[in-house]
Amino acid sequence: MRIARHRPESILEVGCGYGKQLLALRRHLDVPMTGVDFSPSQLGRARGFLRGLDGIGLALASGARLPFPDRSFDLVLTSAVILHNPPPIAEAMRREVIRVSRRLAAHN
């Protein structure tokens, strides 16, 4: 996984869904991870999917208003999230990703 090469010290995934990317990242990195999603049902699925994995937190949140201080995470990841929003919300999400990232932002 290319992200592992950058050796992030902490990761936030915006729009984590049921946790597929977090699980893939965990296979390569043992760092604190947090996933946020706006969907309570997806987070419920993620809790089950990621059960037994330590160091992965999940939170209900909008990518346009992340509940974290500036520069909270070494790397912030989004995948197929920003493009599914109208331009004003997509721009707010991009700003939030940059705001909470200390070093890297990865967008797929």
Protein backbone atom coordinates (compact mmCIF):
# COMPACT_ATOMS: atom_id res chain seq x y z
CA MET A 1 0.00 0.00 0.00
CA ARG A 2 1.49 3.33 -1.12
CA ILE A 3 0.31 5.24 1.95
CA ALA A 4 2.43 3.03 4.23
CA ARG A 5 5.59 4.22 2.44
CA HIS A 6 5.03 7.70 3.86
CA ARG A 7 5.04 6.32 7.41
CA PRO A 8 2.23 8.43 8.84
CA GLU A 9 2.06 8.58 12.63
CA SER A 10 -1.74 8.90 12.74
CA ILE A 11 -4.52 8.62 10.15
CA LEU A 12 -8.01 10.03 9.72
CA GLU A 13 -10.29 8.62 7.04
CA VAL A 14 -13.14 10.94 6.07
CA GLY A 15 -16.06 8.90 4.74
CA CYS A 16 -14.87 5.58 6.14
CA GLY A 17 -18.08 3.72 5.34
CA TYR A 18 -17.96 0.20 6.73
CA GLY A 19 -14.18 0.37 7.33
CA LYS A 20 -12.66 -1.31 4.26
CA GLN A 21 -9.81 1.21 3.89
CA LEU A 22 -9.09 1.27 7.62
CA LEU A 23 -8.69 -2.51 7.63
CA ALA A 24 -6.38 -2.36 4.61
CA LEU A 25 -4.30 0.35 6.28
CA ARG A 26 -4.13 -1.63 9.54
CA ARG A 27 -2.59 -4.55 7.66
CA HIS A 28 0.37 -2.29 6.79
CA LEU A 29 0.53 0.23 9.64
CA ASP A 30 0.19 0.02 13.40
CA VAL A 31 -0.63 3.65 14.15
CA PRO A 32 -3.68 5.33 15.69
CA MET A 33 -6.50 5.58 13.15
CA THR A 34 -9.86 7.30 13.18
CA GLY A 35 -12.69 6.93 10.72
CA VAL A 36 -15.58 9.36 10.37
CA ASP A 37 -18.76 8.98 8.38
CA PHE A 38 -22.07 10.86 8.23
CA SER A 39 -24.04 7.60 8.18
CA PRO A 40 -24.89 5.95 11.51
CA SER A 41 -25.69 2.69 9.72
CA GLN A 42 -22.30 2.61 7.98
CA LEU A 43 -20.56 3.27 11.29
CA GLY A 44 -22.52 0.41 12.82
CA ARG A 45 -21.28 -1.87 10.07
CA ALA A 46 -17.73 -0.57 10.57
CA ARG A 47 -17.86 -1.36 14.28
CA GLY A 48 -18.65 -4.96 13.45
CA PHE A 49 -16.21 -5.18 10.53
CA LEU A 50 -13.32 -3.76 12.58
CA ARG A 51 -14.14 -5.57 15.84
CA GLY A 52 -11.04 -6.82 17.59
CA LEU A 53 -8.67 -4.30 16.01
CA ASP A 54 -7.07 -1.97 18.53
CA GLY A 55 -6.31 1.67 17.90
CA ILE A 56 -9.12 2.42 15.45
CA GLY A 57 -11.71 4.96 16.59
CA LEU A 58 -14.95 5.73 14.79
CA ALA A 59 -17.07 8.89 14.96
CA LEU A 60 -20.23 10.27 13.40
CA ALA A 61 -19.26 13.47 11.59
CA SER A 62 -19.61 15.44 8.40
CA GLY A 63 -16.50 15.90 6.30
CA ALA A 64 -17.50 19.54 5.89
CA ARG A 65 -17.18 20.14 9.66
CA LEU A 66 -14.69 17.78 11.24
CA PRO A 67 -14.74 17.70 15.06
CA PHE A 68 -10.97 17.82 15.46
CA PRO A 69 -8.48 20.61 16.17
CA ASP A 70 -6.14 21.90 13.47
CA ARG A 71 -3.32 19.53 12.52
CA SER A 72 -4.74 16.62 14.53
CA PHE A 73 -3.63 13.85 12.14
CA ASP A 74 -0.45 13.15 10.26
CA LEU A 75 -2.40 11.93 7.24
CA VAL A 76 -6.02 12.47 6.19
CA LEU A 77 -7.51 10.16 3.59
CA THR A 78 -10.70 10.40 1.55
CA SER A 79 -11.83 7.98 -1.11
CA ALA A 80 -14.83 8.60 -3.39
CA VAL A 81 -16.31 11.10 -0.93
CA ILE A 82 -15.63 14.68 -1.98
CA LEU A 83 -16.71 14.16 -5.59
CA HIS A 84 -20.20 13.05 -4.52
CA ASN A 85 -21.02 16.42 -2.98
CA PRO A 86 -22.16 19.72 -4.50
CA PRO A 87 -19.30 22.18 -5.13
CA PRO A 88 -19.76 24.33 -1.97
CA ILE A 89 -19.74 21.26 0.30
CA ALA A 90 -16.89 19.64 -1.63
CA GLU A 91 -14.82 22.79 -1.15
CA ALA A 92 -15.62 22.85 2.58
CA MET A 93 -14.50 19.22 2.80
CA ARG A 94 -11.23 19.96 1.03
CA ARG A 95 -10.56 22.82 3.44
CA GLU A 96 -11.31 20.60 6.44
CA VAL A 97 -9.01 17.83 5.20
CA ILE A 98 -6.16 20.31 4.86
CA ARG A 99 -6.97 21.96 8.22
CA VAL A 100 -6.80 18.76 10.29
CA SER A 101 -3.79 17.30 8.44
CA ARG A 102 -0.28 17.88 9.78
CA ARG A 103 1.63 16.47 6.84
CA LEU A 104 -0.26 14.57 4.15
CA ALA A 105 -3.67 14.47 2.49
CA ALA A 106 -4.57 11.59 0.18
CA HIS A 107 -7.62 11.78 -2.06
CA ASN A 108 -8.81 8.97 -4.29
